[in-house]
Amino acid sequence: MIVVATADFELYHEAVAELRSRGVTFTTVEPGDPLPDRAEVVITSPDDEVETDCSRVTATGDDARRAVDEALATLRGGGGRIVVGVDPGTRPGIAVLSGETVVAAFHVPLADAVDVIRSETDDAVDPLVRIGDGARLQGAKIINDLDDVPVELVDETGTTPYLGSGARGMGDVLAAVNIARIDGERIDSREIEPTDGELQRIKSKSRERSSDNRTIDDELARRVAGGELSVEEALDEHRERET
């Protein structure tokens, strides 16, 4: 059982809300009071004086979710290392594992992916990011922007599961979970030149999305391919050049 034992009101409020949202069995006590016999993990602030033989997780209100993740990983014997799996694409699937437990999942625009990954690894001890080797251009952008955390490139063959009825939209996230569990090759950067076919597809997409039948040029298409611009931003820049 998880016990919240803290005089820090913010930590108490945030940790209890997080535990309730996940349907976790827990209890609360005042710091210094005896812990229940079934207590296995105690969440406290750094200033709380708690005598216990249980595993102790310290946190503040700002990182209550991280504390709950760590407490659950300890409870389940998962080892607790944070591994982030990424299924790259225009909307990457991102899964955060603590040991074998999935503690968070995201499906975000490519422009937001690195910020999400950083927010999930900033306070972690020895985090690891594993990125699938598909969607080469989008994956390369994420890898090149993650210069402050270890990254592995993973063969993502077979990581996307069959999706039954009602599971639409979950494929990228489930693939990210599988990617997080596969050993990859350490990589610091990945430079990939878009092919002529990839550039042409981006240019065709720009014409389809424009209201004035406009097609961006190769230079702008290359910047879109590298994740520097969205198609809409490239169209805006193309218009501005004519004014």
C-alpha atoms as a PDB file:
ATOM      1  CA  MET A   1       0.000   0.000   0.000  1.00  0.00           C
ATOM      2  CA  ILE A   2       1.080   3.590  -0.686  1.00  0.00           C
ATOM      3  CA  VAL A   3       0.928   6.038   2.217  1.00  0.00           C
ATOM      4  CA  VAL A   4       0.982   9.827   1.867  1.00  0.00           C
ATOM      5  CA  ALA A   5       2.543  11.288   5.030  1.00  0.00           C
ATOM      6  CA  THR A   6       3.261  14.976   4.647  1.00  0.00           C
ATOM      7  CA  ALA A   7       2.576  18.343   6.211  1.00  0.00           C
ATOM      8  CA  ASP A   8       3.088  19.984   2.836  1.00  0.00           C
ATOM      9  CA  PHE A   9      -0.463  20.894   1.790  1.00  0.00           C
ATOM     10  CA  GLU A  10       0.344  21.270  -1.898  1.00  0.00           C
ATOM     11  CA  LEU A  11       2.118  17.902  -2.075  1.00  0.00           C
ATOM     12  CA  TYR A  12      -0.725  16.272  -0.126  1.00  0.00           C
ATOM     13  CA  HIS A  13      -3.371  17.699  -2.443  1.00  0.00           C
ATOM     14  CA  GLU A  14      -1.541  16.888  -5.694  1.00  0.00           C
ATOM     15  CA  ALA A  15      -0.430  13.384  -4.650  1.00  0.00           C
ATOM     16  CA  VAL A  16      -3.880  12.390  -3.387  1.00  0.00           C
ATOM     17  CA  ALA A  17      -5.524  13.711  -6.565  1.00  0.00           C
ATOM     18  CA  GLU A  18      -3.025  11.806  -8.729  1.00  0.00           C
ATOM     19  CA  LEU A  19      -3.504   8.550  -6.796  1.00  0.00           C
ATOM     20  CA  ARG A  20      -7.295   8.855  -6.961  1.00  0.00           C
ATOM     21  CA  SER A  21      -7.237   9.541 -10.696  1.00  0.00           C
ATOM     22  CA  ARG A  22      -5.370   6.265 -11.212  1.00  0.00           C
ATOM     23  CA  GLY A  23      -7.606   4.196  -8.964  1.00  0.00           C
ATOM     24  CA  VAL A  24      -4.724   3.321  -6.619  1.00  0.00           C
ATOM     25  CA  THR A  25      -5.368   2.018  -3.101  1.00  0.00           C
ATOM     26  CA  PHE A  26      -3.675   4.338  -0.607  1.00  0.00           C
ATOM     27  CA  THR A  27      -4.073   6.001   2.752  1.00  0.00           C
ATOM     28  CA  THR A  28      -2.858   9.158   4.469  1.00  0.00           C
ATOM     29  CA  VAL A  29      -1.376   9.804   7.906  1.00  0.00           C
ATOM     30  CA  GLU A  30       0.135  12.740   9.729  1.00  0.00           C
ATOM     31  CA  PRO A  31       3.953  12.795   9.764  1.00  0.00           C
ATOM     32  CA  GLY A  32       5.097  11.080  12.963  1.00  0.00           C
ATOM     33  CA  ASP A  33       1.986   8.910  13.295  1.00  0.00           C
ATOM     34  CA  PRO A  34       2.385   5.114  13.064  1.00  0.00           C
ATOM     35  CA  LEU A  35       2.150   3.726   9.536  1.00  0.00           C
ATOM     36  CA  PRO A  36      -0.350   0.998   8.653  1.00  0.00           C
ATOM     37  CA  ASP A  37       0.972  -2.557   8.755  1.00  0.00           C
ATOM     38  CA  ARG A  38       0.442  -2.910   5.006  1.00  0.00           C
ATOM     39  CA  ALA A  39       2.473   0.213   4.155  1.00  0.00           C
ATOM     40  CA  GLU A  40       5.114  -0.472   1.498  1.00  0.00           C
ATOM     41  CA  VAL A  41       5.894   2.982   0.055  1.00  0.00           C
ATOM     42  CA  VAL A  42       5.638   6.380   1.753  1.00  0.00           C
ATOM     43  CA  ILE A  43       5.362   9.697  -0.096  1.00  0.00           C
ATOM     44  CA  THR A  44       6.681  12.651   1.907  1.00  0.00           C
ATOM     45  CA  SER A  45       8.244  16.065   1.394  1.00  0.00           C
ATOM     46  CA  PRO A  46      11.984  16.532   2.080  1.00  0.00           C
ATOM     47  CA  ASP A  47      11.120  18.334   5.332  1.00  0.00           C
ATOM     48  CA  ASP A  48       8.761  15.724   6.783  1.00  0.00           C
ATOM     49  CA  GLU A  49      10.117  13.640   9.653  1.00  0.00           C
ATOM     50  CA  VAL A  50       8.872  10.124   9.070  1.00  0.00           C
ATOM     51  CA  GLU A  51      10.375   7.005  10.643  1.00  0.00           C
ATOM     52  CA  THR A  52       9.828   4.013   8.440  1.00  0.00           C
ATOM     53  CA  ASP A  53      11.435   0.855   7.122  1.00  0.00           C
ATOM     54  CA  CYS A  54       9.369   1.234   3.936  1.00  0.00           C
ATOM     55  CA  SER A  55      10.606   2.700   0.686  1.00  0.00           C
ATOM     56  CA  ARG A  56      10.366   6.478   0.856  1.00  0.00           C
ATOM     57  CA  VAL A  57       9.704   8.816  -2.056  1.00  0.00           C
ATOM     58  CA  THR A  58      10.300  12.517  -1.436  1.00  0.00           C
ATOM     59  CA  ALA A  59       8.760  15.238  -3.553  1.00  0.00           C
ATOM     60  CA  THR A  60       7.214  18.675  -3.643  1.00  0.00           C
ATOM     61  CA  GLY A  61       3.822  19.646  -4.982  1.00  0.00           C
ATOM     62  CA  ASP A  62       5.356  20.504  -8.352  1.00  0.00           C
ATOM     63  CA  ASP A  63       6.536  16.951  -8.980  1.00  0.00           C
ATOM     64  CA  ALA A  64       3.790  14.951  -7.281  1.00  0.00           C
ATOM     65  CA  ARG A  65       3.090  12.996 -10.450  1.00  0.00           C
ATOM     66  CA  ARG A  66       6.705  11.900 -10.653  1.00  0.00           C
ATOM     67  CA  ALA A  67       6.518  10.800  -7.001  1.00  0.00           C
ATOM     68  CA  VAL A  68       3.415   8.718  -7.679  1.00  0.00           C
ATOM     69  CA  ASP A  69       5.102   7.152 -10.720  1.00  0.00           C
ATOM     70  CA  GLU A  70       8.113   6.235  -8.601  1.00  0.00           C
ATOM     71  CA  ALA A  71       5.954   4.896  -5.778  1.00  0.00           C
ATOM     72  CA  LEU A  72       3.956   2.698  -8.160  1.00  0.00           C
ATOM     73  CA  ALA A  73       7.126   1.403  -9.839  1.00  0.00           C
ATOM     74  CA  THR A  74       8.561   0.525  -6.429  1.00  0.00           C
ATOM     75  CA  LEU A  75       5.322  -1.143  -5.393  1.00  0.00           C
ATOM     76  CA  ARG A  76       5.288  -3.254  -8.537  1.00  0.00           C
ATOM     77  CA  GLY A  77       8.976  -4.090  -8.446  1.00  0.00           C
ATOM     78  CA  GLY A  78       9.621  -2.509 -11.826  1.00  0.00           C
ATOM     79  CA  GLY A  79      13.049  -1.113 -11.093  1.00  0.00           C
ATOM     80  CA  GLY A  80      11.887   2.425 -11.716  1.00  0.00           C
ATOM     81  CA  ARG A  81      14.125   3.507 -14.623  1.00  0.00           C
ATOM     82  CA  ILE A  82      12.326   5.973 -16.872  1.00  0.00           C
ATOM     83  CA  VAL A  83      12.340   4.902 -20.534  1.00  0.00           C
ATOM     84  CA  VAL A  84      10.497   7.002 -23.111  1.00  0.00           C
ATOM     85  CA  GLY A  85       9.400   5.282 -26.303  1.00  0.00           C
ATOM     86  CA  VAL A  86       8.649   7.393 -29.377  1.00  0.00           C
ATOM     87  CA  ASP A  87       6.838   6.333 -32.539  1.00  0.00           C
ATOM     88  CA  PRO A  88       7.835   9.227 -34.834  1.00  0.00           C
ATOM     89  CA  GLY A  89       5.568  10.910 -37.333  1.00  0.00           C
ATOM     90  CA  THR A  90       3.710  14.165 -37.852  1.00  0.00           C
ATOM     91  CA  ARG A  91       1.934  13.354 -34.549  1.00  0.00           C
ATOM     92  CA  PRO A  92       4.331  11.111 -32.632  1.00  0.00           C
ATOM     93  CA  GLY A  93       3.109   8.604 -30.113  1.00  0.00           C
ATOM     94  CA  ILE A  94       5.044   8.916 -26.861  1.00  0.00           C
ATOM     95  CA  ALA A  95       4.946   6.397 -23.999  1.00  0.00           C
ATOM     96  CA  VAL A  96       6.708   6.794 -20.651  1.00  0.00           C
ATOM     97  CA  LEU A  97       7.627   3.598 -18.807  1.00  0.00           C
ATOM     98  CA  SER A  98       8.897   3.277 -15.254  1.00  0.00           C
ATOM     99  CA  GLY A  99      10.315  -0.210 -15.206  1.00  0.00           C
ATOM    100  CA  GLU A 100       7.647  -2.280 -16.953  1.00  0.00           C
ATOM    101  CA  THR A 101       4.810   0.043 -15.987  1.00  0.00           C
ATOM    102  CA  VAL A 102       3.385   2.570 -18.456  1.00  0.00           C
ATOM    103  CA  VAL A 103       3.007   5.734 -16.384  1.00  0.00           C
ATOM    104  CA  ALA A 104       2.147   8.290 -19.082  1.00  0.00           C
ATOM    105  CA  ALA A 105       1.222   8.455 -22.757  1.00  0.00           C
ATOM    106  CA  PHE A 106       0.928  11.281 -25.280  1.00  0.00           C
ATOM    107  CA  HIS A 107      -0.084  11.846 -28.906  1.00  0.00           C
ATOM    108  CA  VAL A 108       1.109  15.323 -29.846  1.00  0.00           C
ATOM    109  CA  PRO A 109       2.131  17.411 -32.866  1.00  0.00           C
ATOM    110  CA  LEU A 110       5.747  16.964 -33.905  1.00  0.00           C
ATOM    111  CA  ALA A 111       6.566  20.521 -32.798  1.00  0.00           C
ATOM    112  CA  ASP A 112       5.613  19.632 -29.203  1.00  0.00           C
ATOM    113  CA  ALA A 113       7.305  16.222 -28.987  1.00  0.00           C
ATOM    114  CA  VAL A 114      10.720  17.312 -27.695  1.00  0.00           C
ATOM    115  CA  ASP A 115       9.186  19.510 -24.969  1.00  0.00           C
ATOM    116  CA  VAL A 116       7.014  16.611 -23.822  1.00  0.00           C
ATOM    117  CA  ILE A 117       9.983  14.228 -23.733  1.00  0.00           C
ATOM    118  CA  ARG A 118      12.100  16.722 -21.810  1.00  0.00           C
ATOM    119  CA  SER A 119       9.345  17.347 -19.261  1.00  0.00           C
ATOM    120  CA  GLU A 120       9.131  13.587 -18.630  1.00  0.00           C
ATOM    121  CA  THR A 121      12.898  13.071 -18.263  1.00  0.00           C
ATOM    122  CA  ASP A 122      14.113  16.268 -16.556  1.00  0.00           C
ATOM    123  CA  ASP A 123      13.806  14.956 -12.994  1.00  0.00           C
ATOM    124  CA  ALA A 124      14.482  11.301 -13.792  1.00  0.00           C
ATOM    125  CA  VAL A 125      17.621   9.449 -12.760  1.00  0.00           C
ATOM    126  CA  ASP A 126      19.389   7.919 -15.771  1.00  0.00           C
ATOM    127  CA  PRO A 127      16.503   8.307 -18.259  1.00  0.00           C
ATOM    128  CA  LEU A 128      16.600   6.796 -21.744  1.00  0.00           C
ATOM    129  CA  VAL A 129      14.720   7.694 -24.928  1.00  0.00           C
ATOM    130  CA  ARG A 130      14.093   5.037 -27.598  1.00  0.00           C
ATOM    131  CA  ILE A 131      12.916   6.260 -30.998  1.00  0.00           C
ATOM    132  CA  GLY A 132      11.622   4.098 -33.819  1.00  0.00           C
ATOM    133  CA  ASP A 133      13.538   4.191 -37.102  1.00  0.00           C
ATOM    134  CA  GLY A 134      10.453   4.809 -39.257  1.00  0.00           C
ATOM    135  CA  ALA A 135       9.278   8.277 -40.367  1.00  0.00           C
ATOM    136  CA  ARG A 136      12.927   9.132 -40.983  1.00  0.00           C
ATOM    137  CA  LEU A 137      12.632  12.901 -41.287  1.00  0.00           C
ATOM    138  CA  GLN A 138      10.456  13.427 -38.224  1.00  0.00           C
ATOM    139  CA  GLY A 139      12.517  10.983 -36.174  1.00  0.00           C
ATOM    140  CA  ALA A 140      15.737  12.756 -37.153  1.00  0.00           C
ATOM    141  CA  LYS A 141      14.325  16.089 -35.984  1.00  0.00           C
ATOM    142  CA  ILE A 142      13.486  14.673 -32.550  1.00  0.00           C
ATOM    143  CA  ILE A 143      16.880  12.974 -32.220  1.00  0.00           C
ATOM    144  CA  ASN A 144      18.801  16.094 -33.223  1.00  0.00           C
ATOM    145  CA  ASP A 145      16.864  18.265 -30.751  1.00  0.00           C
ATOM    146  CA  LEU A 146      17.426  15.864 -27.834  1.00  0.00           C
ATOM    147  CA  ASP A 147      21.027  16.737 -27.039  1.00  0.00           C
ATOM    148  CA  ASP A 148      20.686  16.378 -23.265  1.00  0.00           C
ATOM    149  CA  VAL A 149      19.388  12.822 -22.823  1.00  0.00           C
ATOM    150  CA  PRO A 150      20.651   9.403 -24.060  1.00  0.00           C
ATOM    151  CA  VAL A 151      18.834   8.261 -27.211  1.00  0.00           C
ATOM    152  CA  GLU A 152      18.645   4.846 -28.882  1.00  0.00           C
ATOM    153  CA  LEU A 153      17.402   4.216 -32.428  1.00  0.00           C
ATOM    154  CA  VAL A 154      15.152   1.160 -32.478  1.00  0.00           C
ATOM    155  CA  ASP A 155      14.087  -1.134 -35.315  1.00  0.00           C
ATOM    156  CA  GLU A 156      10.342  -0.550 -35.142  1.00  0.00           C
ATOM    157  CA  THR A 157       9.385  -3.434 -37.418  1.00  0.00           C
ATOM    158  CA  GLY A 158       6.294  -5.112 -35.989  1.00  0.00           C
ATOM    159  CA  THR A 159       5.752  -2.611 -33.178  1.00  0.00           C
ATOM    160  CA  THR A 160       2.402  -1.295 -34.430  1.00  0.00           C
ATOM    161  CA  PRO A 161      -0.332  -3.647 -33.162  1.00  0.00           C
ATOM    162  CA  TYR A 162      -3.554  -4.660 -34.821  1.00  0.00           C
ATOM    163  CA  LEU A 163      -6.290  -2.285 -33.692  1.00  0.00           C
ATOM    164  CA  GLY A 164      -9.724  -3.725 -33.071  1.00  0.00           C
ATOM    165  CA  SER A 165     -13.022  -1.906 -33.087  1.00  0.00           C
ATOM    166  CA  GLY A 166     -13.017   1.203 -30.886  1.00  0.00           C
ATOM    167  CA  ALA A 167      -9.223   1.484 -30.713  1.00  0.00           C
ATOM    168  CA  ARG A 168      -8.798   3.985 -33.523  1.00  0.00           C
ATOM    169  CA  GLY A 169      -6.051   6.515 -32.843  1.00  0.00           C
ATOM    170  CA  MET A 170      -4.239   4.339 -30.293  1.00  0.00           C
ATOM    171  CA  GLY A 171      -1.809   2.722 -32.720  1.00  0.00           C
ATOM    172  CA  ASP A 172       0.978   5.302 -32.417  1.00  0.00           C
ATOM    173  CA  VAL A 173       0.902   5.255 -28.613  1.00  0.00           C
ATOM    174  CA  LEU A 174       0.843   1.447 -28.413  1.00  0.00           C
ATOM    175  CA  ALA A 175       3.716   1.313 -30.898  1.00  0.00           C
ATOM    176  CA  ALA A 176       5.627   3.726 -28.648  1.00  0.00           C
ATOM    177  CA  VAL A 177       5.116   1.355 -25.698  1.00  0.00           C
ATOM    178  CA  ASN A 178       6.569  -1.519 -27.736  1.00  0.00           C
ATOM    179  CA  ILE A 179       9.472   0.651 -28.934  1.00  0.00           C
ATOM    180  CA  ALA A 180      10.310   1.575 -25.331  1.00  0.00           C
ATOM    181  CA  ARG A 181      10.796  -2.123 -24.551  1.00  0.00           C
ATOM    182  CA  ILE A 182      13.251  -2.848 -27.388  1.00  0.00           C
ATOM    183  CA  ASP A 183      16.997  -2.358 -27.098  1.00  0.00           C
ATOM    184  CA  GLY A 184      18.333  -0.019 -29.771  1.00  0.00           C
ATOM    185  CA  GLU A 185      21.574   1.509 -30.998  1.00  0.00           C
ATOM    186  CA  ARG A 186      22.895   4.615 -29.251  1.00  0.00           C
ATOM    187  CA  ILE A 187      22.774   7.650 -31.514  1.00  0.00           C
ATOM    188  CA  ASP A 188      23.682  11.305 -31.030  1.00  0.00           C
ATOM    189  CA  SER A 189      22.355  12.740 -34.292  1.00  0.00           C
ATOM    190  CA  ARG A 190      20.751  11.659 -37.536  1.00  0.00           C
ATOM    191  CA  GLU A 191      21.142  13.642 -40.723  1.00  0.00           C
ATOM    192  CA  ILE A 192      18.782  12.587 -43.493  1.00  0.00           C
ATOM    193  CA  GLU A 193      18.318  14.366 -46.804  1.00  0.00           C
ATOM    194  CA  PRO A 194      14.704  14.259 -48.007  1.00  0.00           C
ATOM    195  CA  THR A 195      14.222  12.426 -51.289  1.00  0.00           C
ATOM    196  CA  ASP A 196      12.791  14.071 -54.393  1.00  0.00           C
ATOM    197  CA  GLY A 197       9.617  12.077 -53.863  1.00  0.00           C
ATOM    198  CA  GLU A 198       9.251  13.310 -50.269  1.00  0.00           C
ATOM    199  CA  LEU A 199       9.730  16.914 -51.356  1.00  0.00           C
ATOM    200  CA  GLN A 200       7.170  16.494 -54.117  1.00  0.00           C
ATOM    201  CA  ARG A 201       4.613  15.082 -51.671  1.00  0.00           C
ATOM    202  CA  ILE A 202       5.100  18.098 -49.393  1.00  0.00           C
ATOM    203  CA  LYS A 203       4.707  20.484 -52.315  1.00  0.00           C
ATOM    204  CA  SER A 204       1.551  18.687 -53.415  1.00  0.00           C
ATOM    205  CA  LYS A 205       0.178  18.915 -49.892  1.00  0.00           C
ATOM    206  CA  SER A 206       0.868  22.653 -49.839  1.00  0.00           C
ATOM    207  CA  ARG A 207      -1.173  23.100 -53.030  1.00  0.00           C
ATOM    208  CA  GLU A 208      -4.052  21.052 -51.573  1.00  0.00           C
ATOM    209  CA  ARG A 209      -4.125  23.100 -48.356  1.00  0.00           C
ATOM    210  CA  SER A 210      -3.767  26.553 -49.899  1.00  0.00           C
ATOM    211  CA  SER A 211      -6.815  28.643 -50.694  1.00  0.00           C
ATOM    212  CA  ASP A 212      -5.129  30.162 -53.763  1.00  0.00           C
ATOM    213  CA  ASN A 213      -3.803  27.014 -55.449  1.00  0.00           C
ATOM    214  CA  ARG A 214      -0.286  27.891 -54.276  1.00  0.00           C
ATOM    215  CA  THR A 215       2.666  25.479 -54.315  1.00  0.00           C
ATOM    216  CA  ILE A 216       5.727  26.110 -52.155  1.00  0.00           C
ATOM    217  CA  ASP A 217       9.211  25.819 -53.638  1.00  0.00           C
ATOM    218  CA  ASP A 218      11.902  23.201 -52.953  1.00  0.00           C
ATOM    219  CA  GLU A 219      13.650  25.282 -50.283  1.00  0.00           C
ATOM    220  CA  LEU A 220      10.500  25.695 -48.224  1.00  0.00           C
ATOM    221  CA  ALA A 221       9.545  22.050 -48.779  1.00  0.00           C
ATOM    222  CA  ARG A 222      12.969  21.052 -47.451  1.00  0.00           C
ATOM    223  CA  ARG A 223      12.389  23.119 -44.305  1.00  0.00           C
ATOM    224  CA  VAL A 224       8.996  21.477 -43.843  1.00  0.00           C
ATOM    225  CA  ALA A 225      10.608  18.059 -44.254  1.00  0.00           C
ATOM    226  CA  GLY A 226      13.110  18.901 -41.536  1.00  0.00           C
ATOM    227  CA  GLY A 227      10.365  19.983 -39.145  1.00  0.00           C
ATOM    228  CA  GLU A 228      11.420  23.635 -39.153  1.00  0.00           C
ATOM    229  CA  LEU A 229       8.086  24.787 -40.622  1.00  0.00           C
ATOM    230  CA  SER A 230       4.574  23.440 -40.882  1.00  0.00           C
ATOM    231  CA  VAL A 231       2.959  23.399 -44.322  1.00  0.00           C
ATOM    232  CA  GLU A 232       0.784  26.345 -43.297  1.00  0.00           C
ATOM    233  CA  GLU A 233       3.802  28.353 -42.106  1.00  0.00           C
ATOM    234  CA  ALA A 234       5.625  27.586 -45.350  1.00  0.00           C
ATOM    235  CA  LEU A 235       2.620  28.825 -47.345  1.00  0.00           C
ATOM    236  CA  ASP A 236       2.559  32.048 -45.308  1.00  0.00           C
ATOM    237  CA  GLU A 237       6.261  32.616 -45.940  1.00  0.00           C
ATOM    238  CA  HIS A 238       5.784  31.927 -49.641  1.00  0.00           C
ATOM    239  CA  ARG A 239       3.042  34.581 -49.775  1.00  0.00           C
ATOM    240  CA  GLU A 240       5.172  37.106 -47.884  1.00  0.00           C
ATOM    241  CA  ARG A 241       7.954  36.798 -50.461  1.00  0.00           C
ATOM    242  CA  GLU A 242       5.590  38.132 -53.104  1.00  0.00           C
ATOM    243  CA  THR A 243       4.659  41.263 -51.182  1.00  0.00           C
END
